[in-house]
């Protein structure tokens, strides 16, 4: 059972958001956020914030992968 205190809530949410924004093991921290939600420490609004950060991180990864694929395709066209 989670101890429900404003300070613990704020520190937990801030820590999770910081780790996700930094791109450190996003899936792990997202899972941690859901665990804290299930235990009642985080709210649905908190989860929405965390999910938005995780989505932005994964969108940036996808954009980088797409740019790399386009660069590789352009390089192959130039060499042919």
PDB file of N, CA and C in Angstrom:
ATOM      1  N   UNK A   1       0.846  -1.180   0.000  1.00  0.00           N
ATOM      2  CA  UNK A   1       0.000   0.000   0.000  1.00  0.00           C
ATOM      3  C   UNK A   1       0.883   1.231   0.000  1.00  0.00           C
ATOM      4  N   UNK A   2       0.643   2.123  -0.908  1.00  0.00           N
ATOM      5  CA  UNK A   2       1.445   3.339  -1.022  1.00  0.00           C
ATOM      6  C   UNK A   2       1.028   4.357   0.037  1.00  0.00           C
ATOM      7  N   UNK A   3       2.019   5.024   0.558  1.00  0.00           N
ATOM      8  CA  UNK A   3       1.745   6.112   1.491  1.00  0.00           C
ATOM      9  C   UNK A   3       1.364   7.321   0.653  1.00  0.00           C
ATOM     10  N   UNK A   4       0.179   7.840   0.860  1.00  0.00           N
ATOM     11  CA  UNK A   4      -0.306   8.949   0.053  1.00  0.00           C
ATOM     12  C   UNK A   4       0.065  10.260   0.731  1.00  0.00           C
ATOM     13  N   UNK A   5       1.100  10.888   0.232  1.00  0.00           N
ATOM     14  CA  UNK A   5       1.463  12.203   0.722  1.00  0.00           C
ATOM     15  C   UNK A   5       1.764  13.082  -0.484  1.00  0.00           C
ATOM     16  N   UNK A   6       1.498  14.342  -0.353  1.00  0.00           N
ATOM     17  CA  UNK A   6       1.731  15.290  -1.447  1.00  0.00           C
ATOM     18  C   UNK A   6       3.210  15.327  -1.820  1.00  0.00           C
ATOM     19  N   UNK A   7       4.086  15.318  -0.828  1.00  0.00           N
ATOM     20  CA  UNK A   7       5.519  15.376  -1.101  1.00  0.00           C
ATOM     21  C   UNK A   7       5.984  14.134  -1.865  1.00  0.00           C
ATOM     22  N   UNK A   8       5.545  12.955  -1.440  1.00  0.00           N
ATOM     23  CA  UNK A   8       5.949  11.722  -2.124  1.00  0.00           C
ATOM     24  C   UNK A   8       5.389  11.702  -3.542  1.00  0.00           C
ATOM     25  N   UNK A   9       4.161  12.113  -3.684  1.00  0.00           N
ATOM     26  CA  UNK A   9       3.551  12.189  -5.010  1.00  0.00           C
ATOM     27  C   UNK A   9       4.363  13.090  -5.929  1.00  0.00           C
ATOM     28  N   UNK A  10       4.666  14.300  -5.451  1.00  0.00           N
ATOM     29  CA  UNK A  10       5.382  15.273  -6.276  1.00  0.00           C
ATOM     30  C   UNK A  10       6.781  14.784  -6.644  1.00  0.00           C
ATOM     31  N   UNK A  11       7.496  14.219  -5.671  1.00  0.00           N
ATOM     32  CA  UNK A  11       8.850  13.730  -5.942  1.00  0.00           C
ATOM     33  C   UNK A  11       8.838  12.558  -6.909  1.00  0.00           C
ATOM     34  N   UNK A  12       7.903  11.657  -6.723  1.00  0.00           N
ATOM     35  CA  UNK A  12       7.811  10.494  -7.609  1.00  0.00           C
ATOM     36  C   UNK A  12       7.492  10.920  -9.027  1.00  0.00           C
ATOM     37  N   UNK A  13       6.494  11.762  -9.180  1.00  0.00           N
ATOM     38  CA  UNK A  13       6.105  12.211 -10.515  1.00  0.00           C
ATOM     39  C   UNK A  13       7.240  12.986 -11.172  1.00  0.00           C
ATOM     40  N   UNK A  14       7.867  13.874 -10.426  1.00  0.00           N
ATOM     41  CA  UNK A  14       8.959  14.672 -10.982  1.00  0.00           C
ATOM     42  C   UNK A  14      10.121  13.778 -11.412  1.00  0.00           C
ATOM     43  N   UNK A  15      10.453  12.786 -10.609  1.00  0.00           N
ATOM     44  CA  UNK A  15      11.545  11.875 -10.947  1.00  0.00           C
ATOM     45  C   UNK A  15      11.244  11.079 -12.209  1.00  0.00           C
ATOM     46  N   UNK A  16      10.050  10.554 -12.292  1.00  0.00           N
ATOM     47  CA  UNK A  16       9.666   9.770 -13.471  1.00  0.00           C
ATOM     48  C   UNK A  16       9.682  10.645 -14.718  1.00  0.00           C
ATOM     49  N   UNK A  17       9.130  11.837 -14.612  1.00  0.00           N
ATOM     50  CA  UNK A  17       9.109  12.740 -15.767  1.00  0.00           C
ATOM     51  C   UNK A  17      10.520  13.131 -16.191  1.00  0.00           C
ATOM     52  N   UNK A  18      11.407  13.345 -15.237  1.00  0.00           N
ATOM     53  CA  UNK A  18      12.793  13.718 -15.549  1.00  0.00           C
ATOM     54  C   UNK A  18      13.501  12.588 -16.286  1.00  0.00           C
ATOM     55  N   UNK A  19      13.335  11.370 -15.815  1.00  0.00           N
ATOM     56  CA  UNK A  19      13.990  10.226 -16.449  1.00  0.00           C
ATOM     57  C   UNK A  19      13.478   9.998 -17.866  1.00  0.00           C
ATOM     58  N   UNK A  20      12.179  10.128 -18.058  1.00  0.00           N
ATOM     59  CA  UNK A  20      11.610   9.933 -19.391  1.00  0.00           C
ATOM     60  C   UNK A  20      12.053  11.052 -20.327  1.00  0.00           C
ATOM     61  N   UNK A  21      12.038  12.296 -19.851  1.00  0.00           N
ATOM     62  CA  UNK A  21      12.450  13.432 -20.682  1.00  0.00           C
ATOM     63  C   UNK A  21      13.920  13.297 -21.095  1.00  0.00           C
ATOM     64  N   UNK A  22      14.726  12.691 -20.238  1.00  0.00           N
ATOM     65  CA  UNK A  22      16.142  12.489 -20.550  1.00  0.00           C
ATOM     66  C   UNK A  22      16.363  11.272 -21.448  1.00  0.00           C
ATOM     67  N   UNK A  23      15.318  10.487 -21.661  1.00  0.00           N
ATOM     68  CA  UNK A  23      15.422   9.323 -22.527  1.00  0.00           C
ATOM     69  C   UNK A  23      16.102   8.133 -21.885  1.00  0.00           C
ATOM     70  N   UNK A  24      16.109   8.076 -20.574  1.00  0.00           N
ATOM     71  CA  UNK A  24      16.749   6.968 -19.865  1.00  0.00           C
ATOM     72  C   UNK A  24      15.722   5.878 -19.553  1.00  0.00           C
ATOM     73  N   UNK A  25      15.824   4.768 -20.268  1.00  0.00           N
ATOM     74  CA  UNK A  25      14.996   3.583 -20.035  1.00  0.00           C
ATOM     75  C   UNK A  25      13.518   3.951 -19.918  1.00  0.00           C
ATOM     76  N   UNK A  26      12.995   4.526 -20.985  1.00  0.00           N
ATOM     77  CA  UNK A  26      11.631   5.066 -20.994  1.00  0.00           C
ATOM     78  C   UNK A  26      10.586   3.998 -20.675  1.00  0.00           C
ATOM     79  N   UNK A  27      10.734   2.820 -21.238  1.00  0.00           N
ATOM     80  CA  UNK A  27       9.749   1.758 -20.995  1.00  0.00           C
ATOM     81  C   UNK A  27       9.700   1.390 -19.510  1.00  0.00           C
ATOM     82  N   UNK A  28      10.862   1.332 -18.862  1.00  0.00           N
ATOM     83  CA  UNK A  28      10.911   1.010 -17.434  1.00  0.00           C
ATOM     84  C   UNK A  28      10.174   2.065 -16.625  1.00  0.00           C
ATOM     85  N   UNK A  29      10.453   3.345 -16.903  1.00  0.00           N
ATOM     86  CA  UNK A  29       9.841   4.423 -16.118  1.00  0.00           C
ATOM     87  C   UNK A  29       8.353   4.556 -16.401  1.00  0.00           C
ATOM     88  N   UNK A  30       7.949   4.256 -17.615  1.00  0.00           N
ATOM     89  CA  UNK A  30       6.520   4.262 -17.931  1.00  0.00           C
ATOM     90  C   UNK A  30       5.820   3.149 -17.147  1.00  0.00           C
ATOM     91  N   UNK A  31       6.450   1.990 -17.089  1.00  0.00           N
ATOM     92  CA  UNK A  31       5.902   0.882 -16.301  1.00  0.00           C
ATOM     93  C   UNK A  31       5.826   1.251 -14.822  1.00  0.00           C
ATOM     94  N   UNK A  32       6.868   1.923 -14.313  1.00  0.00           N
ATOM     95  CA  UNK A  32       6.861   2.377 -12.920  1.00  0.00           C
ATOM     96  C   UNK A  32       5.695   3.328 -12.668  1.00  0.00           C
ATOM     97  N   UNK A  33       5.443   4.216 -13.610  1.00  0.00           N
ATOM     98  CA  UNK A  33       4.340   5.168 -13.462  1.00  0.00           C
ATOM     99  C   UNK A  33       3.010   4.425 -13.366  1.00  0.00           C
ATOM    100  N   UNK A  34       2.821   3.417 -14.217  1.00  0.00           N
ATOM    101  CA  UNK A  34       1.580   2.632 -14.161  1.00  0.00           C
ATOM    102  C   UNK A  34       1.466   1.885 -12.830  1.00  0.00           C
ATOM    103  N   UNK A  35       2.599   1.390 -12.324  1.00  0.00           N
ATOM    104  CA  UNK A  35       2.572   0.701 -11.038  1.00  0.00           C
ATOM    105  C   UNK A  35       2.128   1.667  -9.928  1.00  0.00           C
ATOM    106  N   UNK A  36       2.672   2.877  -9.950  1.00  0.00           N
ATOM    107  CA  UNK A  36       2.285   3.869  -8.947  1.00  0.00           C
ATOM    108  C   UNK A  36       0.826   4.291  -9.120  1.00  0.00           C
ATOM    109  N   UNK A  37       0.349   4.291 -10.353  1.00  0.00           N
ATOM    110  CA  UNK A  37      -1.062   4.584 -10.612  1.00  0.00           C
ATOM    111  C   UNK A  37      -1.945   3.484 -10.023  1.00  0.00           C
ATOM    112  N   UNK A  38      -1.542   2.232 -10.251  1.00  0.00           N
ATOM    113  CA  UNK A  38      -2.302   1.097  -9.713  1.00  0.00           C
ATOM    114  C   UNK A  38      -2.330   1.118  -8.186  1.00  0.00           C
ATOM    115  N   UNK A  39      -1.243   1.597  -7.584  1.00  0.00           N
ATOM    116  CA  UNK A  39      -1.165   1.670  -6.116  1.00  0.00           C
ATOM    117  C   UNK A  39      -1.845   2.905  -5.551  1.00  0.00           C
ATOM    118  N   UNK A  40      -2.304   3.795  -6.392  1.00  0.00           N
ATOM    119  CA  UNK A  40      -3.020   4.974  -5.932  1.00  0.00           C
ATOM    120  C   UNK A  40      -2.157   6.195  -5.667  1.00  0.00           C
ATOM    121  N   UNK A  41      -0.849   6.107  -5.944  1.00  0.00           N
ATOM    122  CA  UNK A  41       0.019   7.259  -5.692  1.00  0.00           C
ATOM    123  C   UNK A  41      -0.118   8.310  -6.792  1.00  0.00           C
ATOM    124  N   UNK A  42      -0.272   7.871  -8.031  1.00  0.00           N
ATOM    125  CA  UNK A  42      -0.435   8.799  -9.150  1.00  0.00           C
ATOM    126  C   UNK A  42      -1.884   8.792  -9.627  1.00  0.00           C
ATOM    127  N   UNK A  43      -2.287   9.894 -10.231  1.00  0.00           N
ATOM    128  CA  UNK A  43      -3.656  10.038 -10.729  1.00  0.00           C
ATOM    129  C   UNK A  43      -3.686   9.837 -12.242  1.00  0.00           C
ATOM    130  N   UNK A  44      -4.872   9.801 -12.799  1.00  0.00           N
ATOM    131  CA  UNK A  44      -5.022   9.674 -14.251  1.00  0.00           C
ATOM    132  C   UNK A  44      -4.398  10.871 -14.962  1.00  0.00           C
ATOM    133  N   UNK A  45      -4.490  12.054 -14.384  1.00  0.00           N
ATOM    134  CA  UNK A  45      -3.858  13.234 -14.981  1.00  0.00           C
ATOM    135  C   UNK A  45      -2.340  13.092 -14.996  1.00  0.00           C
ATOM    136  N   UNK A  46      -1.783  12.533 -13.933  1.00  0.00           N
ATOM    137  CA  UNK A  46      -0.336  12.302 -13.877  1.00  0.00           C
ATOM    138  C   UNK A  46       0.085  11.330 -14.975  1.00  0.00           C
ATOM    139  N   UNK A  47      -0.681  10.276 -15.130  1.00  0.00           N
ATOM    140  CA  UNK A  47      -0.377   9.278 -16.162  1.00  0.00           C
ATOM    141  C   UNK A  47      -0.450   9.906 -17.547  1.00  0.00           C
ATOM    142  N   UNK A  48      -1.407  10.783 -17.766  1.00  0.00           N
ATOM    143  CA  UNK A  48      -1.510  11.461 -19.061  1.00  0.00           C
ATOM    144  C   UNK A  48      -0.258  12.287 -19.344  1.00  0.00           C
ATOM    145  N   UNK A  49       0.271  12.965 -18.331  1.00  0.00           N
ATOM    146  CA  UNK A  49       1.509  13.738 -18.501  1.00  0.00           C
ATOM    147  C   UNK A  49       2.681  12.827 -18.848  1.00  0.00           C
ATOM    148  N   UNK A  50       2.802  11.726 -18.131  1.00  0.00           N
ATOM    149  CA  UNK A  50       3.895  10.792 -18.358  1.00  0.00           C
ATOM    150  C   UNK A  50       3.776  10.158 -19.744  1.00  0.00           C
ATOM    151  N   UNK A  51       2.563   9.781 -20.136  1.00  0.00           N
ATOM    152  CA  UNK A  51       2.361   9.198 -21.460  1.00  0.00           C
ATOM    153  C   UNK A  51       2.705  10.183 -22.567  1.00  0.00           C
ATOM    154  N   UNK A  52       2.382  11.463 -22.366  1.00  0.00           N
ATOM    155  CA  UNK A  52       2.706  12.481 -23.367  1.00  0.00           C
ATOM    156  C   UNK A  52       4.223  12.612 -23.527  1.00  0.00           C
ATOM    157  N   UNK A  53       4.955  12.575 -22.430  1.00  0.00           N
ATOM    158  CA  UNK A  53       6.418  12.632 -22.511  1.00  0.00           C
ATOM    159  C   UNK A  53       6.982  11.400 -23.219  1.00  0.00           C
ATOM    160  N   UNK A  54       6.455  10.232 -22.872  1.00  0.00           N
ATOM    161  CA  UNK A  54       6.925   9.001 -23.507  1.00  0.00           C
ATOM    162  C   UNK A  54       6.595   9.009 -24.998  1.00  0.00           C
ATOM    163  N   UNK A  55       5.420   9.488 -25.348  1.00  0.00           N
ATOM    164  CA  UNK A  55       5.031   9.553 -26.759  1.00  0.00           C
ATOM    165  C   UNK A  55       5.953  10.494 -27.526  1.00  0.00           C
ATOM    166  N   UNK A  56       6.286  11.631 -26.940  1.00  0.00           N
ATOM    167  CA  UNK A  56       7.198  12.583 -27.585  1.00  0.00           C
ATOM    168  C   UNK A  56       8.576  11.950 -27.784  1.00  0.00           C
ATOM    169  N   UNK A  57       9.027  11.202 -26.797  1.00  0.00           N
ATOM    170  CA  UNK A  57      10.323  10.515 -26.898  1.00  0.00           C
ATOM    171  C   UNK A  57      10.309   9.509 -28.049  1.00  0.00           C
ATOM    172  N   UNK A  58       9.286   8.671 -28.097  1.00  0.00           N
ATOM    173  CA  UNK A  58       9.217   7.661 -29.152  1.00  0.00           C
ATOM    174  C   UNK A  58       8.980   8.283 -30.523  1.00  0.00           C
ATOM    175  N   UNK A  59       8.232   9.372 -30.594  1.00  0.00           N
ATOM    176  CA  UNK A  59       8.060  10.075 -31.870  1.00  0.00           C
ATOM    177  C   UNK A  59       9.398  10.612 -32.371  1.00  0.00           C
ATOM    178  N   UNK A  60      10.210  11.148 -31.461  1.00  0.00           N
ATOM    179  CA  UNK A  60      11.528  11.651 -31.839  1.00  0.00           C
ATOM    180  C   UNK A  60      12.423  10.516 -32.330  1.00  0.00           C
ATOM    181  N   UNK A  61      12.352   9.357 -31.667  1.00  0.00           N
ATOM    182  CA  UNK A  61      13.118   8.199 -32.134  1.00  0.00           C
ATOM    183  C   UNK A  61      12.684   7.774 -33.527  1.00  0.00           C
ATOM    184  N   UNK A  62      11.370   7.734 -33.753  1.00  0.00           N
ATOM    185  CA  UNK A  62      10.848   7.350 -35.063  1.00  0.00           C
ATOM    186  C   UNK A  62      11.274   8.338 -36.133  1.00  0.00           C
ATOM    187  N   UNK A  63      11.261   9.625 -35.813  1.00  0.00           N
ATOM    188  CA  UNK A  63      11.678  10.646 -36.775  1.00  0.00           C
ATOM    189  C   UNK A  63      13.162  10.478 -37.112  1.00  0.00           C
ATOM    190  N   UNK A  64      13.960  10.175 -36.098  1.00  0.00           N
ATOM    191  CA  UNK A  64      15.389   9.944 -36.332  1.00  0.00           C
ATOM    192  C   UNK A  64      15.629   8.722 -37.197  1.00  0.00           C
ATOM    193  N   UNK A  65      14.886   7.661 -36.950  1.00  0.00           N
ATOM    194  CA  UNK A  65      15.012   6.449 -37.760  1.00  0.00           C
ATOM    195  C   UNK A  65      14.596   6.719 -39.202  1.00  0.00           C
ATOM    196  N   UNK A  66      13.538   7.494 -39.380  1.00  0.00           N
ATOM    197  CA  UNK A  66      13.070   7.811 -40.724  1.00  0.00           C
ATOM    198  C   UNK A  66      14.107   8.658 -41.458  1.00  0.00           C
ATOM    199  N   UNK A  67      14.686   9.621 -40.767  1.00  0.00           N
ATOM    200  CA  UNK A  67      15.710  10.467 -41.386  1.00  0.00           C
ATOM    201  C   UNK A  67      16.937   9.640 -41.758  1.00  0.00           C
ATOM    202  N   UNK A  68      17.327   8.701 -40.893  1.00  0.00           N
ATOM    203  CA  UNK A  68      18.471   7.832 -41.191  1.00  0.00           C
ATOM    204  C   UNK A  68      18.185   6.970 -42.411  1.00  0.00           C
ATOM    205  N   UNK A  69      16.983   6.435 -42.508  1.00  0.00           N
ATOM    206  CA  UNK A  69      16.614   5.602 -43.655  1.00  0.00           C
ATOM    207  C   UNK A  69      16.618   6.416 -44.943  1.00  0.00           C
ATOM    208  N   UNK A  70      16.121   7.655 -44.870  1.00  0.00           N
ATOM    209  CA  UNK A  70      16.126   8.512 -46.054  1.00  0.00           C
ATOM    210  C   UNK A  70      17.549   8.872 -46.465  1.00  0.00           C
ATOM    211  N   UNK A  71      18.414   9.153 -45.510  1.00  0.00           N
ATOM    212  CA  UNK A  71      19.816   9.460 -45.805  1.00  0.00           C
ATOM    213  C   UNK A  71      20.502   8.266 -46.458  1.00  0.00           C
ATOM    214  N   UNK A  72      20.219   7.067 -45.940  1.00  0.00           N
ATOM    215  CA  UNK A  72      20.811   5.865 -46.504  1.00  0.00           C
ATOM    216  C   UNK A  72      20.314   5.644 -47.921  1.00  0.00           C
ATOM    217  N   UNK A  73      19.025   5.862 -48.163  1.00  0.00           N
ATOM    218  CA  UNK A  73      18.465   5.694 -49.506  1.00  0.00           C
ATOM    219  C   UNK A  73      19.073   6.707 -50.468  1.00  0.00           C
ATOM    220  N   UNK A  74      19.232   7.940 -50.012  1.00  0.00           N
ATOM    221  CA  UNK A  74      19.838   8.973 -50.866  1.00  0.00           C
ATOM    222  C   UNK A  74      21.295   8.648 -51.165  1.00  0.00           C
ATOM    223  N   UNK A  75      22.020   8.125 -50.212  1.00  0.00           N
ATOM    224  CA  UNK A  75      23.407   7.759 -50.415  1.00  0.00           C
ATOM    225  C   UNK A  75      23.528   6.619 -51.414  1.00  0.00           C
ATOM    226  N   UNK A  76      22.611   5.676 -51.350  1.00  0.00           N
ATOM    227  CA  UNK A  76      22.633   4.564 -52.292  1.00  0.00           C
ATOM    228  C   UNK A  76      22.327   5.039 -53.712  1.00  0.00           C
ATOM    229  N   UNK A  77      21.411   6.026 -53.854  1.00  0.00           N
ATOM    230  CA  UNK A  77      21.091   6.563 -55.175  1.00  0.00           C
ATOM    231  C   UNK A  77      22.271   7.292 -55.765  1.00  0.00           C
ATOM    232  N   UNK A  78      23.031   7.984 -54.935  1.00  0.00           N
ATOM    233  CA  UNK A  78      24.178   8.752 -55.406  1.00  0.00           C
ATOM    234  C   UNK A  78      25.276   7.829 -55.871  1.00  0.00           C
ATOM    235  N   UNK A  79      25.497   6.707 -55.190  1.00  0.00           N
ATOM    236  CA  UNK A  79      26.569   5.788 -55.539  1.00  0.00           C
ATOM    237  C   UNK A  79      26.237   4.940 -56.757  1.00  0.00           C
ATOM    238  N   UNK A  80      24.992   4.915 -57.145  1.00  0.00           N
ATOM    239  CA  UNK A  80      24.623   4.067 -58.310  1.00  0.00           C
ATOM    240  C   UNK A  80      24.735   4.798 -59.575  1.00  0.00           C
TER     241      UNK A  80
END
